[in-house]
């Protein structure tokens, strides 16, 4: 079970990182990137940030991840100005394919439904 304090910190970090990405980072590759989840380690020293983008092609995902990794120090610095913690967690970005997978499954189910009607 995740302690309430960690859950609140995860939500706070998610909101603040989203604001930083949309208002402060000037990289056009990150224009349509959304922060989906933040998972903190138990000691709050590491944060896994899961993001998604409007275009889920392999090439675009690589560009987004490259841009995020390039901006990681800037994002962490901006985060330190916004959130007061004893230890600011190390950031690790991951691409969240949940929405793309859900869309693919929905499309397959729709296709099966149409085939059954015929």
C-alpha atoms as a PDB file:
ATOM      1  CA  UNK A   1       0.000   0.000   0.000  1.00  0.00           C
ATOM      2  CA  UNK A   2       1.298   3.441  -0.931  1.00  0.00           C
ATOM      3  CA  UNK A   3       1.434   5.860   2.005  1.00  0.00           C
ATOM      4  CA  UNK A   4      -0.739   8.945   1.603  1.00  0.00           C
ATOM      5  CA  UNK A   5       2.289  11.273   1.817  1.00  0.00           C
ATOM      6  CA  UNK A   6       3.955   9.614  -1.188  1.00  0.00           C
ATOM      7  CA  UNK A   7       0.704   9.676  -3.149  1.00  0.00           C
ATOM      8  CA  UNK A   8       0.341  13.416  -2.502  1.00  0.00           C
ATOM      9  CA  UNK A   9       3.965  14.045  -3.505  1.00  0.00           C
ATOM     10  CA  UNK A  10       3.480  12.041  -6.705  1.00  0.00           C
ATOM     11  CA  UNK A  11       0.450  14.149  -7.627  1.00  0.00           C
ATOM     12  CA  UNK A  12       2.263  17.389  -6.774  1.00  0.00           C
ATOM     13  CA  UNK A  13       5.290  16.407  -8.866  1.00  0.00           C
ATOM     14  CA  UNK A  14       3.026  15.388 -11.754  1.00  0.00           C
ATOM     15  CA  UNK A  15       1.297  18.775 -11.739  1.00  0.00           C
ATOM     16  CA  UNK A  16       4.493  20.788 -11.400  1.00  0.00           C
ATOM     17  CA  UNK A  17       6.389  18.864 -14.083  1.00  0.00           C
ATOM     18  CA  UNK A  18       3.431  19.304 -16.450  1.00  0.00           C
ATOM     19  CA  UNK A  19       3.479  23.073 -15.856  1.00  0.00           C
ATOM     20  CA  UNK A  20       7.247  23.211 -16.375  1.00  0.00           C
ATOM     21  CA  UNK A  21       6.974  21.265 -19.645  1.00  0.00           C
ATOM     22  CA  UNK A  22       4.195  23.477 -20.991  1.00  0.00           C
ATOM     23  CA  UNK A  23       5.344  26.881 -19.757  1.00  0.00           C
ATOM     24  CA  UNK A  24       9.104  26.837 -19.285  1.00  0.00           C
ATOM     25  CA  UNK A  25      10.689  24.255 -21.584  1.00  0.00           C
ATOM     26  CA  UNK A  26      11.007  25.797 -25.037  1.00  0.00           C
ATOM     27  CA  UNK A  27      11.706  22.611 -26.999  1.00  0.00           C
ATOM     28  CA  UNK A  28       9.072  22.242 -29.778  1.00  0.00           C
ATOM     29  CA  UNK A  29       9.387  18.435 -29.589  1.00  0.00           C
ATOM     30  CA  UNK A  30       7.652  18.636 -26.210  1.00  0.00           C
ATOM     31  CA  UNK A  31       4.667  20.774 -27.278  1.00  0.00           C
ATOM     32  CA  UNK A  32       2.058  18.019 -27.041  1.00  0.00           C
ATOM     33  CA  UNK A  33       3.548  15.918 -24.252  1.00  0.00           C
ATOM     34  CA  UNK A  34       1.389  15.057 -21.251  1.00  0.00           C
ATOM     35  CA  UNK A  35       2.535  13.758 -17.888  1.00  0.00           C
ATOM     36  CA  UNK A  36       0.411  10.695 -17.128  1.00  0.00           C
ATOM     37  CA  UNK A  37       1.874   9.329 -13.873  1.00  0.00           C
ATOM     38  CA  UNK A  38       4.683   9.873 -11.422  1.00  0.00           C
ATOM     39  CA  UNK A  39       5.900   6.988  -9.265  1.00  0.00           C
ATOM     40  CA  UNK A  40       8.218   7.738  -6.369  1.00  0.00           C
ATOM     41  CA  UNK A  41      10.485   5.204  -4.743  1.00  0.00           C
ATOM     42  CA  UNK A  42       9.825   4.453  -1.092  1.00  0.00           C
ATOM     43  CA  UNK A  43      12.700   6.685   0.021  1.00  0.00           C
ATOM     44  CA  UNK A  44      11.529   9.478  -2.351  1.00  0.00           C
ATOM     45  CA  UNK A  45      14.976   9.659  -3.963  1.00  0.00           C
ATOM     46  CA  UNK A  46      13.871   8.500  -7.436  1.00  0.00           C
ATOM     47  CA  UNK A  47      10.898   9.502  -9.546  1.00  0.00           C
ATOM     48  CA  UNK A  48       9.717   7.622 -12.612  1.00  0.00           C
ATOM     49  CA  UNK A  49       7.760  10.021 -14.814  1.00  0.00           C
ATOM     50  CA  UNK A  50       5.464   8.488 -17.416  1.00  0.00           C
ATOM     51  CA  UNK A  51       4.581  10.687 -20.373  1.00  0.00           C
ATOM     52  CA  UNK A  52       2.592  10.377 -23.567  1.00  0.00           C
ATOM     53  CA  UNK A  53       2.355  12.417 -26.757  1.00  0.00           C
ATOM     54  CA  UNK A  54      -0.205  13.020 -29.490  1.00  0.00           C
ATOM     55  CA  UNK A  55       1.916  11.115 -32.028  1.00  0.00           C
ATOM     56  CA  UNK A  56       2.880   7.611 -30.923  1.00  0.00           C
ATOM     57  CA  UNK A  57       5.101   6.733 -33.882  1.00  0.00           C
ATOM     58  CA  UNK A  58       8.474   5.226 -32.970  1.00  0.00           C
ATOM     59  CA  UNK A  59      10.369   8.177 -34.466  1.00  0.00           C
ATOM     60  CA  UNK A  60       8.344  10.745 -32.520  1.00  0.00           C
ATOM     61  CA  UNK A  61       8.679   8.764 -29.280  1.00  0.00           C
ATOM     62  CA  UNK A  62      12.470   8.744 -29.715  1.00  0.00           C
ATOM     63  CA  UNK A  63      12.450  12.520 -30.305  1.00  0.00           C
ATOM     64  CA  UNK A  64      10.285  13.133 -27.235  1.00  0.00           C
ATOM     65  CA  UNK A  65      12.451  10.937 -25.016  1.00  0.00           C
ATOM     66  CA  UNK A  66      15.610  12.585 -26.325  1.00  0.00           C
ATOM     67  CA  UNK A  67      14.156  16.049 -25.645  1.00  0.00           C
ATOM     68  CA  UNK A  68      13.074  15.043 -22.134  1.00  0.00           C
ATOM     69  CA  UNK A  69      16.483  13.616 -21.322  1.00  0.00           C
ATOM     70  CA  UNK A  70      18.149  16.768 -22.679  1.00  0.00           C
ATOM     71  CA  UNK A  71      15.878  18.957 -20.539  1.00  0.00           C
ATOM     72  CA  UNK A  72      16.097  16.774 -17.426  1.00  0.00           C
ATOM     73  CA  UNK A  73      18.533  19.046 -15.549  1.00  0.00           C
ATOM     74  CA  UNK A  74      16.485  22.141 -16.394  1.00  0.00           C
ATOM     75  CA  UNK A  75      13.250  20.430 -15.315  1.00  0.00           C
ATOM     76  CA  UNK A  76      14.814  19.257 -12.050  1.00  0.00           C
ATOM     77  CA  UNK A  77      16.189  22.743 -11.349  1.00  0.00           C
ATOM     78  CA  UNK A  78      12.799  24.352 -12.054  1.00  0.00           C
ATOM     79  CA  UNK A  79      11.171  21.747  -9.859  1.00  0.00           C
ATOM     80  CA  UNK A  80      13.542  22.616  -7.016  1.00  0.00           C
ATOM     81  CA  UNK A  81      12.321  26.239  -7.250  1.00  0.00           C
ATOM     82  CA  UNK A  82       8.680  25.149  -6.985  1.00  0.00           C
ATOM     83  CA  UNK A  83       8.700  22.210  -4.540  1.00  0.00           C
ATOM     84  CA  UNK A  84      10.452  22.228  -1.184  1.00  0.00           C
ATOM     85  CA  UNK A  85      11.710  18.756  -0.277  1.00  0.00           C
ATOM     86  CA  UNK A  86      14.667  17.613   1.783  1.00  0.00           C
ATOM     87  CA  UNK A  87      15.860  15.572  -1.198  1.00  0.00           C
ATOM     88  CA  UNK A  88      14.641  16.315  -4.698  1.00  0.00           C
ATOM     89  CA  UNK A  89      14.244  12.974  -6.479  1.00  0.00           C
ATOM     90  CA  UNK A  90      16.293  11.985  -9.496  1.00  0.00           C
ATOM     91  CA  UNK A  91      14.040  12.056 -12.556  1.00  0.00           C
ATOM     92  CA  UNK A  92      13.700   9.204 -15.026  1.00  0.00           C
ATOM     93  CA  UNK A  93      11.327   9.592 -17.957  1.00  0.00           C
ATOM     94  CA  UNK A  94       9.385   6.732 -19.549  1.00  0.00           C
ATOM     95  CA  UNK A  95       7.000   6.712 -22.474  1.00  0.00           C
ATOM     96  CA  UNK A  96       3.553   5.466 -21.409  1.00  0.00           C
ATOM     97  CA  UNK A  97       1.980   3.397 -24.182  1.00  0.00           C
ATOM     98  CA  UNK A  98      -1.260   2.783 -22.274  1.00  0.00           C
ATOM     99  CA  UNK A  99      -3.390   5.115 -24.413  1.00  0.00           C
ATOM    100  CA  UNK A 100      -1.983   3.762 -27.680  1.00  0.00           C
ATOM    101  CA  UNK A 101      -2.600   0.195 -26.521  1.00  0.00           C
ATOM    102  CA  UNK A 102      -6.141   1.019 -25.397  1.00  0.00           C
ATOM    103  CA  UNK A 103      -6.876   2.593 -28.777  1.00  0.00           C
ATOM    104  CA  UNK A 104      -5.503  -0.452 -30.577  1.00  0.00           C
ATOM    105  CA  UNK A 105      -7.596  -2.837 -28.449  1.00  0.00           C
ATOM    106  CA  UNK A 106     -10.714  -0.727 -28.970  1.00  0.00           C
ATOM    107  CA  UNK A 107     -10.132  -0.800 -32.714  1.00  0.00           C
ATOM    108  CA  UNK A 108      -9.750  -4.584 -32.675  1.00  0.00           C
ATOM    109  CA  UNK A 109     -12.922  -5.018 -30.635  1.00  0.00           C
ATOM    110  CA  UNK A 110     -14.802  -2.747 -33.023  1.00  0.00           C
ATOM    111  CA  UNK A 111     -13.506  -4.778 -35.969  1.00  0.00           C
ATOM    112  CA  UNK A 112     -14.614  -8.047 -34.319  1.00  0.00           C
ATOM    113  CA  UNK A 113     -18.039  -6.567 -33.600  1.00  0.00           C
ATOM    114  CA  UNK A 114     -18.434  -5.525 -37.243  1.00  0.00           C
ATOM    115  CA  UNK A 115     -17.402  -8.987 -38.467  1.00  0.00           C
ATOM    116  CA  UNK A 116     -19.943 -10.633 -36.167  1.00  0.00           C
ATOM    117  CA  UNK A 117     -22.724  -8.384 -37.521  1.00  0.00           C
ATOM    118  CA  UNK A 118     -21.974  -9.446 -41.101  1.00  0.00           C
END
